[in-house]
Amino acid sequence: MAKYSRLEVAMAMRESGMIPLFFHSDAELGKKVLKACYAGGARLLEFTARGDFAHEVFAELNK
């Protein structure tokens, strides 16, 4: 089951006005980017699964 409903996500997208799009194969760099986006007001981040180790990095960011 999803942690947030579709409506909650849509409302967060509308309130934010932006959705940062990001991928890097280094989980530690990903954590830094995620924290910087959050500090800047972003409450959503789209992590693309385009590269090597994407699944592993996403798992680390999701903790």
C-alpha atoms as a PDB file:
ATOM      1  CA  MET A   1       0.000   0.000   0.000  1.00  0.00           C
ATOM      2  CA  ALA A   2       1.227   3.478  -0.848  1.00  0.00           C
ATOM      3  CA  LYS A   3       2.490   5.697   1.946  1.00  0.00           C
ATOM      4  CA  TYR A   4       0.717   8.749   0.486  1.00  0.00           C
ATOM      5  CA  SER A   5      -2.489   8.946  -1.524  1.00  0.00           C
ATOM      6  CA  ARG A   6      -2.541  10.274  -5.077  1.00  0.00           C
ATOM      7  CA  LEU A   7      -4.391  13.334  -3.830  1.00  0.00           C
ATOM      8  CA  GLU A   8      -1.743  14.057  -1.185  1.00  0.00           C
ATOM      9  CA  VAL A   9       1.014  13.804  -3.786  1.00  0.00           C
ATOM     10  CA  ALA A  10      -0.882  15.998  -6.255  1.00  0.00           C
ATOM     11  CA  MET A  11      -1.443  18.621  -3.560  1.00  0.00           C
ATOM     12  CA  ALA A  12       2.248  18.588  -2.596  1.00  0.00           C
ATOM     13  CA  MET A  13       3.185  18.995  -6.277  1.00  0.00           C
ATOM     14  CA  ARG A  14       0.863  21.960  -6.641  1.00  0.00           C
ATOM     15  CA  GLU A  15       2.060  23.629  -3.440  1.00  0.00           C
ATOM     16  CA  SER A  16       5.721  23.106  -4.295  1.00  0.00           C
ATOM     17  CA  GLY A  17       5.564  24.433  -7.829  1.00  0.00           C
ATOM     18  CA  MET A  18       8.555  22.276  -8.757  1.00  0.00           C
ATOM     19  CA  ILE A  19       9.721  18.687  -8.686  1.00  0.00           C
ATOM     20  CA  PRO A  20      13.494  18.244  -8.758  1.00  0.00           C
ATOM     21  CA  LEU A  21      14.584  15.407 -11.053  1.00  0.00           C
ATOM     22  CA  PHE A  22      17.726  13.578 -10.030  1.00  0.00           C
ATOM     23  CA  PHE A  23      19.911  10.516 -10.535  1.00  0.00           C
ATOM     24  CA  HIS A  24      23.417   9.623  -9.499  1.00  0.00           C
ATOM     25  CA  SER A  25      24.949   6.215  -8.849  1.00  0.00           C
ATOM     26  CA  ASP A  26      26.516   7.391  -5.560  1.00  0.00           C
ATOM     27  CA  ALA A  27      24.059   7.056  -2.658  1.00  0.00           C
ATOM     28  CA  GLU A  28      25.986   9.478  -0.439  1.00  0.00           C
ATOM     29  CA  LEU A  29      25.816  12.207  -3.081  1.00  0.00           C
ATOM     30  CA  GLY A  30      22.137  11.405  -3.505  1.00  0.00           C
ATOM     31  CA  LYS A  31      21.562  11.958   0.213  1.00  0.00           C
ATOM     32  CA  LYS A  32      23.275  15.342   0.009  1.00  0.00           C
ATOM     33  CA  VAL A  33      21.145  16.378  -2.971  1.00  0.00           C
ATOM     34  CA  LEU A  34      17.990  15.172  -1.231  1.00  0.00           C
ATOM     35  CA  LYS A  35      18.850  17.160   1.916  1.00  0.00           C
ATOM     36  CA  ALA A  36      19.671  20.272  -0.125  1.00  0.00           C
ATOM     37  CA  CYS A  37      16.378  20.055  -2.011  1.00  0.00           C
ATOM     38  CA  TYR A  38      14.490  19.623   1.262  1.00  0.00           C
ATOM     39  CA  ALA A  39      16.315  22.575   2.828  1.00  0.00           C
ATOM     40  CA  GLY A  40      15.332  24.618  -0.227  1.00  0.00           C
ATOM     41  CA  GLY A  41      11.651  23.846   0.297  1.00  0.00           C
ATOM     42  CA  ALA A  42      11.118  20.877  -2.019  1.00  0.00           C
ATOM     43  CA  ARG A  43       8.942  18.171  -0.516  1.00  0.00           C
ATOM     44  CA  LEU A  44       9.021  15.937  -3.574  1.00  0.00           C
ATOM     45  CA  LEU A  45      11.955  14.543  -5.534  1.00  0.00           C
ATOM     46  CA  GLU A  46      11.752  12.422  -8.647  1.00  0.00           C
ATOM     47  CA  PHE A  47      14.576   9.919  -8.667  1.00  0.00           C
ATOM     48  CA  THR A  48      15.079   8.463 -12.133  1.00  0.00           C
ATOM     49  CA  ALA A  49      16.117   4.847 -12.537  1.00  0.00           C
ATOM     50  CA  ARG A  50      18.291   5.396 -15.595  1.00  0.00           C
ATOM     51  CA  GLY A  51      21.716   4.336 -14.462  1.00  0.00           C
ATOM     52  CA  ASP A  52      23.785   1.725 -12.734  1.00  0.00           C
ATOM     53  CA  PHE A  53      22.833   0.931  -9.146  1.00  0.00           C
ATOM     54  CA  ALA A  54      19.611   2.963  -9.381  1.00  0.00           C
ATOM     55  CA  HIS A  55      17.638   0.424  -7.350  1.00  0.00           C
ATOM     56  CA  GLU A  56      20.249   0.286  -4.593  1.00  0.00           C
ATOM     57  CA  VAL A  57      20.592   4.076  -4.431  1.00  0.00           C
ATOM     58  CA  PHE A  58      16.807   4.514  -4.297  1.00  0.00           C
ATOM     59  CA  ALA A  59      16.633   2.011  -1.430  1.00  0.00           C
ATOM     60  CA  GLU A  60      19.217   4.057   0.498  1.00  0.00           C
ATOM     61  CA  LEU A  61      17.396   7.328  -0.144  1.00  0.00           C
ATOM     62  CA  ASN A  62      14.102   5.785   0.918  1.00  0.00           C
ATOM     63  CA  LYS A  63      15.399   4.914   4.418  1.00  0.00           C
END
